Amino acid sequence: MKMPKEMRTYCPKCKSHTDHQVSLYKKGKDRAMAIGNRRHERDEHGYGGQKFPKLKRTAKTTKKQLLRLTCRTCDTVVYRLGIRLRKLEIA
């Protein structure tokens, strides 16, 4: 599905409809030294095998794309959950 590069939608900071730049949300890099990762690694070591079951098969073939809308006037970022689709192209 093709999505426009710009869309006119409501900005909560401006409190009016303004032009927004559309981009796809990308997940940042995980921190290796976060407490959850350290705890999980500690659970994996030693006897007792796998702590959590490893995912064998995935049920879904698509994912809901998250849209990142940046206001042109005040640069406020609003996230909007997109529809479930295989590929989202911003054109």
PDB file of N, CA and C in Angstrom:
ATOM      1  N   MET A   1       0.839  -1.173   0.000  1.00  0.00           N
ATOM      2  CA  MET A   1       0.000   0.000   0.000  1.00  0.00           C
ATOM      3  C   MET A   1       0.891   1.245   0.000  1.00  0.00           C
ATOM      4  N   LYS A   2       0.489   2.239  -0.756  1.00  0.00           N
ATOM      5  CA  LYS A   2       1.250   3.484  -0.818  1.00  0.00           C
ATOM      6  C   LYS A   2       0.625   4.518   0.109  1.00  0.00           C
ATOM      7  N   MET A   3       1.481   5.239   0.801  1.00  0.00           N
ATOM      8  CA  MET A   3       1.048   6.263   1.758  1.00  0.00           C
ATOM      9  C   MET A   3       1.638   7.597   1.312  1.00  0.00           C
ATOM     10  N   PRO A   4       0.897   8.693   1.432  1.00  0.00           N
ATOM     11  CA  PRO A   4       1.466   9.987   1.027  1.00  0.00           C
ATOM     12  C   PRO A   4       2.560  10.444   1.987  1.00  0.00           C
ATOM     13  N   LYS A   5       3.535  11.215   1.456  1.00  0.00           N
ATOM     14  CA  LYS A   5       4.632  11.724   2.287  1.00  0.00           C
ATOM     15  C   LYS A   5       4.141  12.757   3.285  1.00  0.00           C
ATOM     16  N   GLU A   6       3.091  13.460   2.915  1.00  0.00           N
ATOM     17  CA  GLU A   6       2.508  14.481   3.783  1.00  0.00           C
ATOM     18  C   GLU A   6       1.014  14.250   3.912  1.00  0.00           C
ATOM     19  N   MET A   7       0.478  14.516   5.105  1.00  0.00           N
ATOM     20  CA  MET A   7      -0.963  14.453   5.293  1.00  0.00           C
ATOM     21  C   MET A   7      -1.400  15.556   6.249  1.00  0.00           C
ATOM     22  N   ARG A   8      -2.611  16.006   6.048  1.00  0.00           N
ATOM     23  CA  ARG A   8      -3.153  17.060   6.899  1.00  0.00           C
ATOM     24  C   ARG A   8      -3.998  16.396   7.976  1.00  0.00           C
ATOM     25  N   THR A   9      -3.565  16.516   9.236  1.00  0.00           N
ATOM     26  CA  THR A   9      -4.273  15.880  10.343  1.00  0.00           C
ATOM     27  C   THR A   9      -4.133  16.730  11.600  1.00  0.00           C
ATOM     28  N   TYR A  10      -4.828  16.321  12.650  1.00  0.00           N
ATOM     29  CA  TYR A  10      -4.890  17.112  13.886  1.00  0.00           C
ATOM     30  C   TYR A  10      -3.580  17.046  14.665  1.00  0.00           C
ATOM     31  N   CYS A  11      -3.123  18.228  15.114  1.00  0.00           N
ATOM     32  CA  CYS A  11      -1.934  18.307  15.967  1.00  0.00           C
ATOM     33  C   CYS A  11      -2.390  18.696  17.365  1.00  0.00           C
ATOM     34  N   PRO A  12      -2.105  17.867  18.388  1.00  0.00           N
ATOM     35  CA  PRO A  12      -2.574  18.179  19.741  1.00  0.00           C
ATOM     36  C   PRO A  12      -1.891  19.402  20.358  1.00  0.00           C
ATOM     37  N   LYS A  13      -0.685  19.733  19.903  1.00  0.00           N
ATOM     38  CA  LYS A  13       0.015  20.897  20.451  1.00  0.00           C
ATOM     39  C   LYS A  13      -0.507  22.198  19.827  1.00  0.00           C
ATOM     40  N   CYS A  14      -0.672  22.186  18.498  1.00  0.00           N
ATOM     41  CA  CYS A  14      -1.212  23.374  17.810  1.00  0.00           C
ATOM     42  C   CYS A  14      -2.718  23.510  18.025  1.00  0.00           C
ATOM     43  N   LYS A  15      -3.360  22.404  18.403  1.00  0.00           N
ATOM     44  CA  LYS A  15      -4.818  22.333  18.599  1.00  0.00           C
ATOM     45  C   LYS A  15      -5.584  22.688  17.327  1.00  0.00           C
ATOM     46  N   SER A  16      -5.014  22.306  16.188  1.00  0.00           N
ATOM     47  CA  SER A  16      -5.684  22.530  14.909  1.00  0.00           C
ATOM     48  C   SER A  16      -5.132  21.536  13.892  1.00  0.00           C
ATOM     49  N   HIS A  17      -5.770  21.469  12.741  1.00  0.00           N
ATOM     50  CA  HIS A  17      -5.299  20.599  11.672  1.00  0.00           C
ATOM     51  C   HIS A  17      -4.145  21.276  10.934  1.00  0.00           C
ATOM     52  N   THR A  18      -3.009  20.574  10.867  1.00  0.00           N
ATOM     53  CA  THR A  18      -1.834  21.098  10.179  1.00  0.00           C
ATOM     54  C   THR A  18      -1.248  20.005   9.293  1.00  0.00           C
ATOM     55  N   ASP A  19      -0.305  20.377   8.444  1.00  0.00           N
ATOM     56  CA  ASP A  19       0.377  19.406   7.595  1.00  0.00           C
ATOM     57  C   ASP A  19       1.379  18.626   8.429  1.00  0.00           C
ATOM     58  N   HIS A  20       1.408  17.318   8.227  1.00  0.00           N
ATOM     59  CA  HIS A  20       2.323  16.435   8.949  1.00  0.00           C
ATOM     60  C   HIS A  20       3.168  15.651   7.951  1.00  0.00           C
ATOM     61  N   GLN A  21       4.437  15.477   8.276  1.00  0.00           N
ATOM     62  CA  GLN A  21       5.318  14.641   7.464  1.00  0.00           C
ATOM     63  C   GLN A  21       5.168  13.199   7.952  1.00  0.00           C
ATOM     64  N   VAL A  22       4.996  12.271   7.037  1.00  0.00           N
ATOM     65  CA  VAL A  22       4.746  10.869   7.371  1.00  0.00           C
ATOM     66  C   VAL A  22       6.018  10.058   7.184  1.00  0.00           C
ATOM     67  N   SER A  23       6.371   9.268   8.206  1.00  0.00           N
ATOM     68  CA  SER A  23       7.497   8.340   8.093  1.00  0.00           C
ATOM     69  C   SER A  23       7.156   7.080   8.869  1.00  0.00           C
ATOM     70  N   LEU A  24       7.896   6.021   8.618  1.00  0.00           N
ATOM     71  CA  LEU A  24       7.672   4.752   9.304  1.00  0.00           C
ATOM     72  C   LEU A  24       8.463   4.714  10.600  1.00  0.00           C
ATOM     73  N   TYR A  25       7.859   4.171  11.654  1.00  0.00           N
ATOM     74  CA  TYR A  25       8.546   4.015  12.936  1.00  0.00           C
ATOM     75  C   TYR A  25       9.532   2.865  12.834  1.00  0.00           C
ATOM     76  N   LYS A  26      10.755   3.095  13.291  1.00  0.00           N
ATOM     77  CA  LYS A  26      11.750   2.033  13.312  1.00  0.00           C
ATOM     78  C   LYS A  26      12.214   1.839  14.746  1.00  0.00           C
ATOM     79  N   LYS A  27      12.295   0.592  15.159  1.00  0.00           N
ATOM     80  CA  LYS A  27      12.697   0.262  16.521  1.00  0.00           C
ATOM     81  C   LYS A  27      14.178   0.571  16.706  1.00  0.00           C
ATOM     82  N   GLY A  28      14.515   1.154  17.843  1.00  0.00           N
ATOM     83  CA  GLY A  28      15.914   1.455  18.141  1.00  0.00           C
ATOM     84  C   GLY A  28      16.668   0.212  18.559  1.00  0.00           C
ATOM     85  N   LYS A  29      17.982   0.323  18.679  1.00  0.00           N
ATOM     86  CA  LYS A  29      18.809  -0.813  19.048  1.00  0.00           C
ATOM     87  C   LYS A  29      18.623  -1.134  20.528  1.00  0.00           C
ATOM     88  N   ASP A  30      18.515  -2.427  20.858  1.00  0.00           N
ATOM     89  CA  ASP A  30      18.364  -2.844  22.251  1.00  0.00           C
ATOM     90  C   ASP A  30      19.650  -2.609  23.020  1.00  0.00           C
ATOM     91  N   ARG A  31      19.505  -2.238  24.290  1.00  0.00           N
ATOM     92  CA  ARG A  31      20.679  -2.075  25.141  1.00  0.00           C
ATOM     93  C   ARG A  31      21.069  -3.438  25.693  1.00  0.00           C
ATOM     94  N   ALA A  32      22.295  -3.824  25.466  1.00  0.00           N
ATOM     95  CA  ALA A  32      22.765  -5.144  25.919  1.00  0.00           C
ATOM     96  C   ALA A  32      22.907  -5.195  27.435  1.00  0.00           C
ATOM     97  N   MET A  33      23.136  -4.034  28.055  1.00  0.00           N
ATOM     98  CA  MET A  33      23.365  -4.000  29.496  1.00  0.00           C
ATOM     99  C   MET A  33      22.116  -3.626  30.288  1.00  0.00           C
ATOM    100  N   ALA A  34      20.949  -3.677  29.667  1.00  0.00           N
ATOM    101  CA  ALA A  34      19.705  -3.410  30.390  1.00  0.00           C
ATOM    102  C   ALA A  34      19.457  -4.533  31.395  1.00  0.00           C
ATOM    103  N   ILE A  35      18.784  -4.230  32.487  1.00  0.00           N
ATOM    104  CA  ILE A  35      18.617  -5.205  33.581  1.00  0.00           C
ATOM    105  C   ILE A  35      17.856  -6.447  33.118  1.00  0.00           C
ATOM    106  N   GLY A  36      16.891  -6.269  32.227  1.00  0.00           N
ATOM    107  CA  GLY A  36      16.140  -7.419  31.740  1.00  0.00           C
ATOM    108  C   GLY A  36      17.008  -8.364  30.926  1.00  0.00           C
ATOM    109  N   ASN A  37      17.890  -7.810  30.080  1.00  0.00           N
ATOM    110  CA  ASN A  37      18.794  -8.641  29.284  1.00  0.00           C
ATOM    111  C   ASN A  37      19.809  -9.357  30.159  1.00  0.00           C
ATOM    112  N   ARG A  38      20.320  -8.669  31.178  1.00  0.00           N
ATOM    113  CA  ARG A  38      21.287  -9.282  32.091  1.00  0.00           C
ATOM    114  C   ARG A  38      20.642 -10.410  32.875  1.00  0.00           C
ATOM    115  N   ARG A  39      19.417 -10.185  33.323  1.00  0.00           N
ATOM    116  CA  ARG A  39      18.688 -11.200  34.095  1.00  0.00           C
ATOM    117  C   ARG A  39      18.383 -12.415  33.225  1.00  0.00           C
ATOM    118  N   HIS A  40      17.976 -12.172  31.982  1.00  0.00           N
ATOM    119  CA  HIS A  40      17.656 -13.270  31.070  1.00  0.00           C
ATOM    120  C   HIS A  40      18.907 -14.094  30.760  1.00  0.00           C
ATOM    121  N   GLU A  41      20.043 -13.429  30.547  1.00  0.00           N
ATOM    122  CA  GLU A  41      21.291 -14.140  30.280  1.00  0.00           C
ATOM    123  C   GLU A  41      21.715 -14.993  31.462  1.00  0.00           C
ATOM    124  N   ARG A  42      21.513 -14.451  32.670  1.00  0.00           N
ATOM    125  CA  ARG A  42      21.876 -15.199  33.880  1.00  0.00           C
ATOM    126  C   ARG A  42      20.995 -16.441  34.014  1.00  0.00           C
ATOM    127  N   ASP A  43      19.707 -16.333  33.655  1.00  0.00           N
ATOM    128  CA  ASP A  43      18.799 -17.475  33.718  1.00  0.00           C
ATOM    129  C   ASP A  43      19.168 -18.533  32.685  1.00  0.00           C
ATOM    130  N   GLU A  44      19.726 -18.127  31.563  1.00  0.00           N
ATOM    131  CA  GLU A  44      20.071 -19.059  30.482  1.00  0.00           C
ATOM    132  C   GLU A  44      21.292 -19.914  30.834  1.00  0.00           C
ATOM    133  N   HIS A  45      22.192 -19.384  31.648  1.00  0.00           N
ATOM    134  CA  HIS A  45      23.429 -20.101  31.973  1.00  0.00           C
ATOM    135  C   HIS A  45      23.167 -21.246  32.958  1.00  0.00           C
ATOM    136  N   GLY A  46      24.089 -22.179  32.992  1.00  0.00           N
ATOM    137  CA  GLY A  46      24.035 -23.271  33.967  1.00  0.00           C
ATOM    138  C   GLY A  46      23.050 -24.350  33.580  1.00  0.00           C
ATOM    139  N   TYR A  47      22.683 -25.168  34.568  1.00  0.00           N
ATOM    140  CA  TYR A  47      21.758 -26.274  34.339  1.00  0.00           C
ATOM    141  C   TYR A  47      20.329 -25.765  34.325  1.00  0.00           C
ATOM    142  N   GLY A  48      19.446 -26.571  33.734  1.00  0.00           N
ATOM    143  CA  GLY A  48      18.035 -26.208  33.726  1.00  0.00           C
ATOM    144  C   GLY A  48      17.502 -25.915  32.337  1.00  0.00           C
ATOM    145  N   GLY A  49      18.403 -25.814  31.360  1.00  0.00           N
ATOM    146  CA  GLY A  49      17.963 -25.660  29.974  1.00  0.00           C
ATOM    147  C   GLY A  49      17.382 -24.296  29.669  1.00  0.00           C
ATOM    148  N   GLN A  50      16.583 -24.269  28.635  1.00  0.00           N
ATOM    149  CA  GLN A  50      15.995 -23.025  28.155  1.00  0.00           C
ATOM    150  C   GLN A  50      14.994 -22.486  29.167  1.00  0.00           C
ATOM    151  N   LYS A  51      15.125 -21.209  29.513  1.00  0.00           N
ATOM    152  CA  LYS A  51      14.252 -20.600  30.516  1.00  0.00           C
ATOM    153  C   LYS A  51      12.850 -20.379  29.953  1.00  0.00           C
ATOM    154  N   PHE A  52      12.782 -19.794  28.757  1.00  0.00           N
ATOM    155  CA  PHE A  52      11.496 -19.535  28.123  1.00  0.00           C
ATOM    156  C   PHE A  52      11.415 -20.353  26.846  1.00  0.00           C
ATOM    157  N   PRO A  53      10.232 -20.790  26.447  1.00  0.00           N
ATOM    158  CA  PRO A  53      10.135 -21.572  25.217  1.00  0.00           C
ATOM    159  C   PRO A  53      10.486 -20.726  23.995  1.00  0.00           C
ATOM    160  N   LYS A  54      11.328 -21.282  23.130  1.00  0.00           N
ATOM    161  CA  LYS A  54      11.683 -20.577  21.903  1.00  0.00           C
ATOM    162  C   LYS A  54      10.530 -20.704  20.922  1.00  0.00           C
ATOM    163  N   LEU A  55      10.215 -19.599  20.233  1.00  0.00           N
ATOM    164  CA  LEU A  55       9.078 -19.572  19.318  1.00  0.00           C
ATOM    165  C   LEU A  55       9.389 -20.423  18.094  1.00  0.00           C
ATOM    166  N   LYS A  56       8.603 -21.486  17.891  1.00  0.00           N
ATOM    167  CA  LYS A  56       8.841 -22.409  16.789  1.00  0.00           C
ATOM    168  C   LYS A  56       8.263 -21.861  15.481  1.00  0.00           C
ATOM    169  N   ARG A  57       6.984 -21.483  15.525  1.00  0.00           N
ATOM    170  CA  ARG A  57       6.331 -20.983  14.314  1.00  0.00           C
ATOM    171  C   ARG A  57       5.562 -19.706  14.645  1.00  0.00           C
ATOM    172  N   THR A  58       5.504 -18.824  13.675  1.00  0.00           N
ATOM    173  CA  THR A  58       4.772 -17.583  13.876  1.00  0.00           C
ATOM    174  C   THR A  58       3.409 -17.698  13.226  1.00  0.00           C
ATOM    175  N   ALA A  59       2.399 -17.160  13.869  1.00  0.00           N
ATOM    176  CA  ALA A  59       1.027 -17.290  13.379  1.00  0.00           C
ATOM    177  C   ALA A  59       0.722 -16.257  12.300  1.00  0.00           C
ATOM    178  N   LYS A  60       1.282 -15.063  12.451  1.00  0.00           N
ATOM    179  CA  LYS A  60       0.908 -13.975  11.553  1.00  0.00           C
ATOM    180  C   LYS A  60       1.961 -13.759  10.461  1.00  0.00           C
ATOM    181  N   THR A  61       1.486 -13.392   9.280  1.00  0.00           N
ATOM    182  CA  THR A  61       2.393 -13.142   8.152  1.00  0.00           C
ATOM    183  C   THR A  61       2.607 -11.649   7.948  1.00  0.00           C
ATOM    184  N   THR A  62       1.813 -10.818   8.631  1.00  0.00           N
ATOM    185  CA  THR A  62       1.936  -9.373   8.493  1.00  0.00           C
ATOM    186  C   THR A  62       2.058  -8.750   9.868  1.00  0.00           C
ATOM    187  N   LYS A  63       2.392  -7.446   9.890  1.00  0.00           N
ATOM    188  CA  LYS A  63       2.394  -6.723  11.154  1.00  0.00           C
ATOM    189  C   LYS A  63       1.785  -5.347  10.953  1.00  0.00           C
ATOM    190  N   LYS A  64       1.285  -4.778  12.028  1.00  0.00           N
ATOM    191  CA  LYS A  64       0.687  -3.450  11.956  1.00  0.00           C
ATOM    192  C   LYS A  64       1.801  -2.421  11.936  1.00  0.00           C
ATOM    193  N   GLN A  65       1.877  -1.671  10.858  1.00  0.00           N
ATOM    194  CA  GLN A  65       2.917  -0.657  10.715  1.00  0.00           C
ATOM    195  C   GLN A  65       2.536   0.573  11.524  1.00  0.00           C
ATOM    196  N   LEU A  66       3.532   1.147  12.211  1.00  0.00           N
ATOM    197  CA  LEU A  66       3.310   2.334  13.022  1.00  0.00           C
ATOM    198  C   LEU A  66       3.758   3.558  12.232  1.00  0.00           C
ATOM    199  N   LEU A  67       2.865   4.530  12.090  1.00  0.00           N
ATOM    200  CA  LEU A  67       3.173   5.746  11.348  1.00  0.00           C
ATOM    201  C   LEU A  67       3.657   6.821  12.307  1.00  0.00           C
ATOM    202  N   ARG A  68       4.709   7.518  11.908  1.00  0.00           N
ATOM    203  CA  ARG A  68       5.277   8.599  12.719  1.00  0.00           C
ATOM    204  C   ARG A  68       4.949   9.907  12.005  1.00  0.00           C
ATOM    205  N   LEU A  69       4.065  10.689  12.611  1.00  0.00           N
ATOM    206  CA  LEU A  69       3.619  11.938  11.994  1.00  0.00           C
ATOM    207  C   LEU A  69       4.302  13.113  12.686  1.00  0.00           C
ATOM    208  N   THR A  70       5.073  13.894  11.928  1.00  0.00           N
ATOM    209  CA  THR A  70       5.773  15.055  12.461  1.00  0.00           C
ATOM    210  C   THR A  70       5.086  16.323  11.964  1.00  0.00           C
ATOM    211  N   CYS A  71       4.669  17.169  12.890  1.00  0.00           N
ATOM    212  CA  CYS A  71       3.984  18.416  12.542  1.00  0.00           C
ATOM    213  C   CYS A  71       4.971  19.370  11.875  1.00  0.00           C
ATOM    214  N   ARG A  72       4.528  19.983  10.788  1.00  0.00           N
ATOM    215  CA  ARG A  72       5.393  20.902  10.037  1.00  0.00           C
ATOM    216  C   ARG A  72       5.598  22.226  10.775  1.00  0.00           C
ATOM    217  N   THR A  73       4.632  22.642  11.576  1.00  0.00           N
ATOM    218  CA  THR A  73       4.728  23.949  12.237  1.00  0.00           C
ATOM    219  C   THR A  73       5.458  23.889  13.572  1.00  0.00           C
ATOM    220  N   CYS A  74       5.174  22.854  14.396  1.00  0.00           N
ATOM    221  CA  CYS A  74       5.769  22.828  15.742  1.00  0.00           C
ATOM    222  C   CYS A  74       6.679  21.622  15.978  1.00  0.00           C
ATOM    223  N   ASP A  75       6.858  20.752  14.986  1.00  0.00           N
ATOM    224  CA  ASP A  75       7.739  19.570  15.050  1.00  0.00           C
ATOM    225  C   ASP A  75       7.349  18.563  16.134  1.00  0.00           C
ATOM    226  N   THR A  76       6.091  18.562  16.551  1.00  0.00           N
ATOM    227  CA  THR A  76       5.616  17.568  17.502  1.00  0.00           C
ATOM    228  C   THR A  76       5.395  16.250  16.778  1.00  0.00           C
ATOM    229  N   VAL A  77       5.815  15.151  17.405  1.00  0.00           N
ATOM    230  CA  VAL A  77       5.682  13.825  16.793  1.00  0.00           C
ATOM    231  C   VAL A  77       4.478  13.115  17.390  1.00  0.00           C
ATOM    232  N   VAL A  78       3.589  12.629  16.526  1.00  0.00           N
ATOM    233  CA  VAL A  78       2.418  11.861  16.927  1.00  0.00           C
ATOM    234  C   VAL A  78       2.507  10.510  16.239  1.00  0.00           C
ATOM    235  N   TYR A  79       2.256   9.445  16.982  1.00  0.00           N
ATOM    236  CA  TYR A  79       2.293   8.107  16.402  1.00  0.00           C
ATOM    237  C   TYR A  79       0.876   7.640  16.130  1.00  0.00           C
ATOM    238  N   ARG A  80       0.702   6.970  15.005  1.00  0.00           N
ATOM    239  CA  ARG A  80      -0.602   6.451  14.643  1.00  0.00           C
ATOM    240  C   ARG A  80      -0.453   5.014  14.174  1.00  0.00           C
ATOM    241  N   LEU A  81      -1.236   4.117  14.772  1.00  0.00           N
ATOM    242  CA  LEU A  81      -1.166   2.702  14.414  1.00  0.00           C
ATOM    243  C   LEU A  81      -1.828   2.495  13.067  1.00  0.00           C
ATOM    244  N   GLY A  82      -1.066   1.946  12.129  1.00  0.00           N
ATOM    245  CA  GLY A  82      -1.583   1.720  10.788  1.00  0.00           C
ATOM    246  C   GLY A  82      -2.365   0.430  10.706  1.00  0.00           C
ATOM    247  N   ILE A  83      -2.805   0.105   9.501  1.00  0.00           N
ATOM    248  CA  ILE A  83      -3.562  -1.122   9.299  1.00  0.00           C
ATOM    249  C   ILE A  83      -2.596  -2.275   9.059  1.00  0.00           C
ATOM    250  N   ARG A  84      -3.096  -3.489   9.203  1.00  0.00           N
ATOM    251  CA  ARG A  84      -2.276  -4.681   9.013  1.00  0.00           C
ATOM    252  C   ARG A  84      -2.057  -4.916   7.527  1.00  0.00           C
ATOM    253  N   LEU A  85      -0.783  -4.870   7.114  1.00  0.00           N
ATOM    254  CA  LEU A  85      -0.475  -5.104   5.707  1.00  0.00           C
ATOM    255  C   LEU A  85       0.947  -5.626   5.570  1.00  0.00           C
ATOM    256  N   ARG A  86       1.229  -6.205   4.396  1.00  0.00           N
ATOM    257  CA  ARG A  86       2.539  -6.804   4.168  1.00  0.00           C
ATOM    258  C   ARG A  86       3.618  -5.753   3.965  1.00  0.00           C
ATOM    259  N   LYS A  87       3.313  -4.726   3.138  1.00  0.00           N
ATOM    260  CA  LYS A  87       4.329  -3.723   2.816  1.00  0.00           C
ATOM    261  C   LYS A  87       3.691  -2.355   2.761  1.00  0.00           C
ATOM    262  N   LEU A  88       4.323  -1.384   3.429  1.00  0.00           N
ATOM    263  CA  LEU A  88       3.853  -0.013   3.409  1.00  0.00           C
ATOM    264  C   LEU A  88       4.914   0.846   2.767  1.00  0.00           C
ATOM    265  N   GLU A  89       4.538   1.529   1.693  1.00  0.00           N
ATOM    266  CA  GLU A  89       5.490   2.348   0.940  1.00  0.00           C
ATOM    267  C   GLU A  89       5.063   3.806   1.048  1.00  0.00           C
ATOM    268  N   ILE A  90       5.993   4.665   1.475  1.00  0.00           N
ATOM    269  CA  ILE A  90       5.694   6.087   1.572  1.00  0.00           C
ATOM    270  C   ILE A  90       6.155   6.766   0.297  1.00  0.00           C
ATOM    271  N   ALA A  91       5.210   7.252  -0.491  1.00  0.00           N
ATOM    272  CA  ALA A  91       5.528   7.861  -1.787  1.00  0.00           C
ATOM    273  C   ALA A  91       4.799   9.178  -1.966  1.00  0.00           C
TER     274      ALA A  91
END
